[in-house]
Protein backbone atom coordinates (compact mmCIF):
# COMPACT_ATOMS: atom_id res chain seq x y z
CA UNK A 1 8.13 -3.93 53.38
CA UNK A 2 9.01 -6.52 50.77
CA UNK A 3 7.00 -9.73 50.91
CA UNK A 4 7.65 -12.90 48.94
CA UNK A 5 4.88 -15.33 48.26
CA UNK A 6 5.23 -18.93 47.22
CA UNK A 7 2.65 -21.31 45.81
CA UNK A 8 1.34 -23.53 48.65
CA UNK A 9 2.72 -26.68 47.05
CA UNK A 10 6.22 -25.23 46.73
CA UNK A 11 6.22 -24.02 50.34
CA UNK A 12 5.09 -27.45 51.57
CA UNK A 13 7.83 -29.13 49.50
CA UNK A 14 10.43 -26.73 50.90
CA UNK A 15 9.39 -27.49 54.50
CA UNK A 16 9.33 -31.23 53.78
CA UNK A 17 12.84 -31.11 52.27
CA UNK A 18 14.15 -29.21 55.32
CA UNK A 19 12.71 -31.81 57.69
CA UNK A 20 14.07 -34.71 55.61
CA UNK A 21 17.56 -33.19 55.52
CA UNK A 22 17.51 -32.64 59.28
CA UNK A 23 16.47 -36.23 59.90
CA UNK A 24 19.13 -37.57 57.53
CA UNK A 25 21.95 -35.74 59.32
CA UNK A 26 23.70 -37.98 61.81
CA UNK A 27 25.05 -36.23 64.86
CA UNK A 28 28.27 -37.75 66.12
CA UNK A 29 29.45 -36.97 69.62
CA UNK A 30 32.61 -38.01 71.43
CA UNK A 31 32.23 -41.11 73.58
CA UNK A 32 35.85 -41.00 74.84
CA UNK A 33 38.02 -37.86 74.89
CA UNK A 34 41.61 -38.26 76.00
CA UNK A 35 43.68 -35.38 77.34
CA UNK A 36 47.00 -34.26 75.98
CA UNK A 37 49.93 -32.12 76.99
CA UNK A 38 51.28 -29.04 75.26
CA UNK A 39 53.83 -30.21 72.66
CA UNK A 40 57.30 -29.65 74.15
CA UNK A 41 58.83 -28.39 70.91
CA UNK A 42 55.93 -25.95 70.41
CA UNK A 43 56.29 -24.68 73.97
CA UNK A 44 60.05 -24.24 73.49
CA UNK A 45 59.50 -22.27 70.27
CA UNK A 46 56.63 -20.30 71.91
CA UNK A 47 54.17 -21.50 69.26
CA UNK A 48 50.50 -20.84 70.01
CA UNK A 49 47.33 -20.90 67.97
CA UNK A 50 44.36 -22.89 66.75
CA UNK A 51 44.37 -26.16 64.85
CA UNK A 52 41.26 -27.32 63.03
CA UNK A 53 40.94 -30.97 61.97
CA UNK A 54 38.43 -33.25 60.29
CA UNK A 55 38.06 -36.80 61.62
CA UNK A 56 36.65 -39.65 59.60
CA UNK A 57 34.80 -42.05 61.88
CA UNK A 58 34.28 -45.79 61.34
CA UNK A 59 30.96 -47.46 62.11
CA UNK A 60 32.45 -48.76 65.40
CA UNK A 61 33.15 -45.15 66.50
CA UNK A 62 36.93 -45.25 66.12
CA UNK A 63 38.82 -42.59 64.17
CA UNK A 64 40.01 -43.86 60.80
CA UNK A 65 41.58 -40.68 59.38
CA UNK A 66 42.52 -37.19 60.57
CA UNK A 67 43.02 -34.32 58.13
CA UNK A 68 44.34 -30.96 59.28
CA UNK A 69 42.32 -28.07 57.86
CA UNK A 70 44.39 -25.27 59.37
CA UNK A 71 47.03 -24.62 62.02
CA UNK A 72 50.74 -24.80 62.74
CA UNK A 73 52.27 -28.14 61.74
CA UNK A 74 54.10 -28.61 65.08
CA UNK A 75 50.79 -28.32 66.94
CA UNK A 76 48.99 -30.34 64.26
CA UNK A 77 51.15 -33.45 64.86
CA UNK A 78 49.97 -33.58 68.48
CA UNK A 79 46.35 -33.01 67.45
CA UNK A 80 46.50 -35.93 65.00
CA UNK A 81 47.94 -38.35 67.56
CA UNK A 82 45.39 -37.20 70.17
CA UNK A 83 42.36 -37.57 67.87
CA UNK A 84 43.30 -41.12 66.86
CA UNK A 85 42.76 -42.07 70.51
CA UNK A 86 39.17 -40.69 70.65
CA UNK A 87 36.02 -42.67 70.01
CA UNK A 88 32.63 -41.38 68.85
CA UNK A 89 28.99 -42.47 68.91
CA UNK A 90 25.84 -41.27 67.28
CA UNK A 91 23.87 -38.92 69.49
CA UNK A 92 20.83 -41.20 69.18
CA UNK A 93 22.96 -44.11 70.54
CA UNK A 94 22.24 -46.31 67.53
CA UNK A 95 24.97 -48.33 65.86
CA UNK A 96 26.61 -47.21 62.66
CA UNK A 97 28.48 -44.09 63.74
CA UNK A 98 30.31 -43.65 60.41
CA UNK A 99 30.76 -40.05 59.32
CA UNK A 100 32.96 -37.01 59.79
CA UNK A 101 33.50 -34.55 62.62
CA UNK A 102 35.37 -31.23 62.70
CA UNK A 103 37.28 -30.49 65.90
CA UNK A 104 39.12 -27.30 66.91
CA UNK A 105 42.05 -27.15 69.35
CA UNK A 106 43.32 -23.91 70.90
CA UNK A 107 46.88 -23.81 72.28
CA UNK A 108 47.87 -21.02 74.69
CA UNK A 109 51.05 -20.25 76.64
CA UNK A 110 51.09 -18.47 80.00
CA UNK A 111 54.10 -17.32 81.96
CA UNK A 112 57.69 -18.19 81.18
CA UNK A 113 57.84 -21.97 81.54
CA UNK A 114 59.54 -23.01 78.32
CA UNK A 115 61.81 -26.03 78.53
CA UNK A 116 60.97 -27.47 81.94
CA UNK A 117 59.06 -30.74 82.12
CA UNK A 118 57.33 -29.50 85.28
CA UNK A 119 55.26 -26.76 83.64
CA UNK A 120 51.70 -26.46 84.89
CA UNK A 121 49.31 -27.57 82.15
CA UNK A 122 45.57 -27.57 81.71
CA UNK A 123 43.38 -29.34 79.19
CA UNK A 124 39.66 -28.95 78.82
CA UNK A 125 36.99 -30.02 76.41
CA UNK A 126 34.01 -27.85 75.53
CA UNK A 127 31.19 -29.89 74.01
CA UNK A 128 30.78 -30.58 71.15
CA UNK A 129 34.01 -29.76 69.32
CA UNK A 130 36.49 -27.45 71.08
CA UNK A 131 39.60 -28.40 73.06
CA UNK A 132 41.84 -25.94 74.89
CA UNK A 133 45.41 -26.76 75.97
CA UNK A 134 47.24 -24.26 78.19
CA UNK A 135 50.83 -24.42 79.45
């Protein structure tokens, strides 16, 4: 068995730094999540997949910028417009929610409903950062 030993002062400093970093991190959580429908052009082209986006959040909790990290551009346009309608708050409910959040959307197609506007759709949100849209 391999064992590492650290001087007591260094170990204490390491633990202190870990605690300080954890306290400095601000957890943002959605305060308002709005549903969306499967993009019609993506459904017609049978496009499925995941889209990952980063949201920049203002201190009032509104979304100021959305950057797509990965995913199909047809799906990404709908993700961007949906995320601009969300609002966030700090998990400790204090003011000053500014920061960034990464959100992942999963788009799935079931059955053969392609061009109809009456396709059955589902949307659900899994806390803290995953959205699934099924048509």
